[in-house]
Amino acid sequence: MLNFYNDKPLLIHDDVINDTLYWHSTDSKNNFKKQSEEFKDRFNYEIAYKFNNLGYRTKNLNELNDKFILTFGCSYTEGIGLTIEQIWNYAVAKNINLDLYNCAKEATGMDVQYYNSTLWKNSNLPLPKLVIIQWPHKSRKQFSYQKRNRIAMYDSCFTDSVDKSWWSRRYITNPGEMHLNNFMWFENFNNIWESLNVPVLNFSWNDDIEIALIRSKFKLWHIIPTEFDLARDNQHSGPNYHKNTAEQLLEILKLSNFTHKI
């Protein structure tokens, strides 16, 4: 669950602020114990989930170098089941000699990426040299509830309420609302960064949102890794998948125009 506060620079994941965990989310110790010995032998090393003072798996904003990459995405880019060094954005940042702020958060959709970009500009946070975003699945959506001092945001998949019923019976069955949201979130995310003169590399591992983005002037890259392996939770993509993703992104960054459709 993410929370919106009037006095915070970004959406906040209160549950993990300043925590260091060694099992997290779908990467649970009990689940790992159920895997085959061959699978477990591949992960004979420690995975630490170290969260910053806003609840993101990255360094604090005041620790950033002046030159950094800002990345967005869902649990895949947060790196569930992976060490920080195994995530694609770490490899990209290291290769082009930039610091990294990873704003990815599990169980989020395209909406949260747009919300956090809006807040980044609104809060006058340091500007990155480059933004790279892994767009989550098109059907993900947050539902928000007014609390005493905050707005609490819950992912549609986990909201046990009338919202989940509407999401499953209406939102994903007749895709008009979903496609319109996808376009608006994508377009305005990119408009924000373009207004700040920060280039954006948009990519997705799926091609499920492309139909909603036909009229967009911004380019969405479809990354198809040639190697597929699994992370420690046996659900998310693994180290080789991320390594190959980073290699493809680095090739795209060599192009003179990777931000807009030609």
Protein backbone atom coordinates (compact mmCIF):
# COMPACT_ATOMS: atom_id res chain seq x y z
CA MET A 1 0.00 0.00 0.00
CA LEU A 2 1.24 3.46 -0.96
CA ASN A 3 0.20 6.68 0.75
CA PHE A 4 -0.12 10.25 -0.48
CA TYR A 5 0.75 12.94 2.09
CA ASN A 6 0.58 16.67 1.50
CA ASP A 7 4.01 17.16 3.08
CA LYS A 8 5.94 14.32 1.41
CA PRO A 9 7.81 14.57 -1.90
CA LEU A 10 6.59 11.25 -3.35
CA LEU A 11 4.10 8.50 -2.66
CA ILE A 12 5.23 6.74 0.51
CA HIS A 13 5.45 3.03 1.34
CA ASP A 14 5.24 3.42 5.11
CA ASP A 15 5.42 -0.30 5.90
CA VAL A 16 9.08 -0.61 4.87
CA ILE A 17 10.59 2.84 5.55
CA ASN A 18 14.28 2.48 6.52
CA ASP A 19 13.88 -1.31 6.81
CA THR A 20 16.34 -3.97 5.72
CA LEU A 21 14.58 -7.24 4.98
CA TYR A 22 15.97 -10.54 3.74
CA TRP A 23 12.65 -11.93 2.53
CA HIS A 24 9.99 -9.70 1.03
CA SER A 25 6.70 -9.87 -0.87
CA THR A 26 6.45 -13.01 -3.05
CA ASP A 27 10.07 -13.77 -2.17
CA SER A 28 9.20 -15.55 1.07
CA LYS A 29 11.29 -18.02 3.02
CA ASN A 30 8.44 -20.53 3.19
CA ASN A 31 7.95 -20.40 -0.57
CA PHE A 32 11.66 -20.85 -1.17
CA LYS A 33 11.77 -23.93 1.04
CA LYS A 34 9.21 -25.60 -1.22
CA GLN A 35 11.41 -25.32 -4.33
CA SER A 36 13.59 -28.10 -5.71
CA GLU A 37 17.14 -28.51 -4.45
CA GLU A 38 18.43 -27.69 -7.91
CA PHE A 39 16.52 -24.39 -7.86
CA LYS A 40 17.66 -23.52 -4.33
CA ASP A 41 21.29 -24.18 -5.20
CA ARG A 42 21.15 -21.26 -7.66
CA PHE A 43 20.54 -18.84 -4.79
CA ASN A 44 23.23 -19.65 -2.26
CA TYR A 45 23.75 -15.95 -1.54
CA GLU A 46 22.04 -13.28 0.54
CA ILE A 47 19.43 -10.95 -0.92
CA ALA A 48 18.87 -7.78 1.10
CA TYR A 49 15.92 -5.47 0.57
CA LYS A 50 17.16 -2.18 1.94
CA PHE A 51 14.52 0.55 1.75
CA ASN A 52 15.11 4.29 2.03
CA ASN A 53 13.32 6.92 4.10
CA LEU A 54 10.40 7.00 1.64
CA GLY A 55 10.07 3.23 1.35
CA TYR A 56 11.87 2.72 -1.98
CA ARG A 57 14.60 0.16 -2.59
CA THR A 58 17.26 2.74 -3.36
CA LYS A 59 19.40 5.37 -1.68
CA ASN A 60 17.94 8.47 -0.06
CA LEU A 61 17.43 11.53 -2.24
CA ASN A 62 19.99 13.56 -0.30
CA GLU A 63 22.62 10.89 -0.99
CA LEU A 64 22.33 11.12 -4.77
CA ASN A 65 25.14 12.42 -6.95
CA ASP A 66 24.30 15.34 -9.22
CA LYS A 67 24.35 13.08 -12.27
CA PHE A 68 21.91 10.19 -11.96
CA ILE A 69 19.35 8.03 -13.74
CA LEU A 70 15.79 7.94 -12.44
CA THR A 71 13.93 4.69 -13.11
CA PHE A 72 10.30 3.69 -12.70
CA GLY A 73 8.46 0.39 -12.86
CA CYS A 74 6.69 -2.34 -10.92
CA SER A 75 7.97 -5.26 -8.82
CA TYR A 76 10.16 -6.49 -11.67
CA THR A 77 12.17 -3.27 -11.62
CA GLU A 78 12.07 -3.08 -7.82
CA GLY A 79 13.87 -6.39 -8.11
CA ILE A 80 11.79 -8.90 -6.16
CA GLY A 81 13.90 -12.03 -5.78
CA LEU A 82 17.08 -10.27 -6.92
CA THR A 83 20.00 -8.42 -5.40
CA ILE A 84 20.19 -4.73 -6.32
CA GLU A 85 23.20 -5.49 -8.52
CA GLN A 86 21.16 -7.97 -10.58
CA ILE A 87 18.42 -5.50 -11.57
CA TRP A 88 18.60 -4.12 -15.11
CA ASN A 89 18.79 -0.46 -14.00
CA TYR A 90 21.89 -1.05 -11.88
CA ALA A 91 23.73 -2.44 -14.92
CA VAL A 92 22.63 0.46 -17.14
CA ALA A 93 23.63 3.12 -14.61
CA LYS A 94 27.00 1.50 -13.98
CA ASN A 95 27.73 1.20 -17.70
CA ILE A 96 27.09 4.90 -18.41
CA ASN A 97 28.71 6.04 -15.16
CA LEU A 98 25.65 7.60 -13.53
CA ASP A 99 24.17 7.30 -10.06
CA LEU A 100 20.75 5.67 -9.70
CA TYR A 101 17.44 6.43 -8.00
CA ASN A 102 15.04 3.52 -8.39
CA CYS A 103 11.45 4.72 -7.93
CA ALA A 104 9.96 1.32 -8.88
CA LYS A 105 7.42 -0.17 -6.51
CA GLU A 106 5.74 -3.57 -6.37
CA ALA A 107 2.03 -3.97 -7.11
CA THR A 108 1.77 -0.72 -9.06
CA GLY A 109 0.48 0.12 -12.52
CA MET A 110 0.91 2.88 -15.06
CA ASP A 111 -1.00 5.30 -12.83
CA VAL A 112 1.56 5.30 -10.01
CA GLN A 113 4.42 6.06 -12.42
CA TYR A 114 2.51 9.14 -13.59
CA TYR A 115 1.60 10.19 -10.04
CA ASN A 116 5.20 9.98 -8.84
CA SER A 117 6.46 11.94 -11.86
CA THR A 118 3.90 14.65 -11.14
CA LEU A 119 5.06 14.75 -7.52
CA TRP A 120 8.73 14.80 -8.56
CA LYS A 121 8.14 17.97 -10.55
CA ASN A 122 5.78 19.47 -7.96
CA SER A 123 8.33 18.87 -5.19
CA ASN A 124 11.20 20.40 -7.21
CA LEU A 125 13.34 17.33 -6.69
CA PRO A 126 16.76 17.10 -8.39
CA LEU A 127 16.53 16.53 -12.13
CA PRO A 128 18.03 13.33 -13.51
CA LYS A 129 20.13 13.16 -16.65
CA LEU A 130 17.89 10.39 -17.94
CA VAL A 131 14.59 8.68 -17.09
CA ILE A 132 13.99 5.05 -17.98
CA ILE A 133 10.60 3.54 -17.31
CA GLN A 134 9.45 -0.07 -17.45
CA TRP A 135 5.72 0.24 -18.03
CA PRO A 136 3.70 -2.26 -15.97
CA HIS A 137 0.81 -4.35 -17.20
CA LYS A 138 -2.05 -2.30 -18.64
CA SER A 139 -4.73 -3.61 -16.26
CA ARG A 140 -3.06 -2.56 -13.00
CA LYS A 141 -4.85 0.26 -11.22
CA GLN A 142 -4.80 1.84 -7.78
CA PHE A 143 -7.93 2.68 -5.80
CA SER A 144 -7.62 5.49 -3.28
CA TYR A 145 -9.27 5.97 0.11
CA GLN A 146 -9.31 9.11 2.23
CA LYS A 147 -7.79 8.52 5.67
CA ARG A 148 -7.28 10.97 8.52
CA ASN A 149 -3.98 12.49 7.36
CA ARG A 150 -3.36 10.76 4.05
CA ILE A 151 -4.81 9.15 0.96
CA ALA A 152 -4.21 5.40 1.02
CA MET A 153 -3.75 3.65 -2.33
CA TYR A 154 -4.46 -0.04 -2.88
CA ASP A 155 -3.75 -2.12 -5.96
CA SER A 156 -6.86 -3.39 -7.76
CA CYS A 157 -5.74 -7.00 -7.42
CA PHE A 158 -5.70 -6.80 -3.63
CA THR A 159 -8.66 -4.53 -2.94
CA ASP A 160 -11.36 -6.75 -1.46
CA SER A 161 -14.26 -4.37 -2.01
CA VAL A 162 -16.71 -3.04 -4.54
CA ASP A 163 -13.68 -1.58 -6.35
CA LYS A 164 -12.26 -5.03 -7.06
CA SER A 165 -15.64 -6.14 -8.35
CA TRP A 166 -15.82 -3.11 -10.68
CA TRP A 167 -12.24 -3.68 -11.80
CA SER A 168 -12.82 -7.35 -12.67
CA ARG A 169 -16.34 -7.01 -14.12
CA ARG A 170 -16.04 -3.70 -15.93
CA TYR A 171 -12.53 -2.21 -16.17
CA ILE A 172 -10.73 -5.19 -17.69
CA THR A 173 -13.68 -6.67 -19.59
CA ASN A 174 -14.63 -3.59 -21.62
CA PRO A 175 -11.22 -1.97 -22.18
CA GLY A 176 -12.32 1.52 -23.21
CA GLU A 177 -11.72 3.09 -19.80
CA MET A 178 -8.46 1.18 -19.40
CA HIS A 179 -7.11 2.20 -22.81
CA LEU A 180 -7.96 5.85 -22.22
CA ASN A 181 -6.22 5.78 -18.84
CA ASN A 182 -3.17 4.04 -20.32
CA PHE A 183 -2.83 6.70 -22.99
CA MET A 184 -3.29 9.61 -20.60
CA TRP A 185 -0.87 8.24 -17.99
CA PHE A 186 1.76 7.45 -20.63
CA GLU A 187 1.39 10.74 -22.50
CA ASN A 188 1.39 12.97 -19.43
CA PHE A 189 4.28 11.10 -17.82
CA ASN A 190 6.34 11.90 -20.91
CA ASN A 191 5.01 15.45 -21.18
CA ILE A 192 6.21 16.15 -17.64
CA TRP A 193 9.77 15.08 -18.35
CA GLU A 194 9.84 16.74 -21.76
CA SER A 195 8.84 20.01 -20.07
CA LEU A 196 11.88 19.58 -17.83
CA ASN A 197 14.21 18.75 -20.78
CA VAL A 198 14.91 15.27 -19.43
CA PRO A 199 15.00 12.48 -22.05
CA VAL A 200 12.87 9.39 -21.41
CA LEU A 201 13.37 5.85 -22.62
CA ASN A 202 10.00 4.08 -22.42
CA PHE A 203 10.00 0.31 -22.56
CA SER A 204 7.84 -2.67 -21.81
CA TRP A 205 8.43 -6.40 -21.74
CA ASN A 206 4.85 -6.84 -22.97
CA ASP A 207 3.16 -5.45 -26.06
CA ASP A 208 -0.22 -5.16 -24.37
CA ILE A 209 -0.35 -1.35 -24.14
CA GLU A 210 0.72 -0.48 -27.69
CA ILE A 211 -2.83 -0.26 -29.06
CA ALA A 212 -3.62 2.45 -26.50
CA LEU A 213 -0.59 4.49 -27.54
CA ILE A 214 -1.12 4.69 -31.31
CA ARG A 215 -1.62 8.46 -31.29
CA SER A 216 1.26 9.18 -28.92
CA LYS A 217 4.31 10.96 -30.30
CA PHE A 218 6.54 9.18 -27.78
CA LYS A 219 8.30 5.92 -28.60
CA LEU A 220 7.62 2.74 -26.61
CA TRP A 221 10.34 0.12 -26.98
CA HIS A 222 9.38 -3.53 -26.76
CA ILE A 223 12.21 -5.43 -25.07
CA ILE A 224 12.35 -9.19 -25.66
CA PRO A 225 15.22 -10.78 -23.70
CA THR A 226 16.77 -13.83 -25.33
CA GLU A 227 17.38 -15.51 -21.98
CA PHE A 228 14.64 -16.34 -19.54
CA ASP A 229 15.31 -17.40 -15.99
CA LEU A 230 13.56 -16.90 -12.66
CA ALA A 231 14.32 -14.89 -9.55
CA ARG A 232 14.44 -16.45 -6.07
CA ASP A 233 10.66 -16.18 -5.63
CA ASN A 234 10.21 -18.42 -8.69
CA GLN A 235 7.76 -15.89 -10.14
CA HIS A 236 9.66 -12.79 -11.27
CA SER A 237 12.29 -12.72 -13.98
CA GLY A 238 15.83 -13.65 -13.01
CA PRO A 239 19.38 -12.27 -13.27
CA ASN A 240 20.05 -13.31 -16.88
CA TYR A 241 16.75 -11.82 -18.04
CA HIS A 242 17.67 -8.51 -16.42
CA LYS A 243 21.22 -8.66 -17.77
CA ASN A 244 19.94 -9.11 -21.31
CA THR A 245 17.39 -6.32 -20.81
CA ALA A 246 20.18 -3.97 -19.76
CA GLU A 247 22.23 -4.90 -22.82
CA GLN A 248 19.32 -4.09 -25.15
CA LEU A 249 18.58 -0.81 -23.39
CA LEU A 250 22.20 0.27 -23.67
CA GLU A 251 22.07 -0.32 -27.42
CA ILE A 252 18.92 1.81 -27.67
CA LEU A 253 20.60 4.61 -25.71
CA LYS A 254 23.24 4.82 -28.45
CA LEU A 255 20.61 5.99 -30.93
CA SER A 256 20.34 9.69 -31.73
CA ASN A 257 16.58 9.55 -31.11
CA PHE A 258 15.21 7.03 -28.61
CA THR A 259 12.49 9.24 -27.15
CA HIS A 260 10.07 9.96 -30.02
CA LYS A 261 8.49 8.09 -32.91
CA ILE A 262 10.05 8.92 -36.25
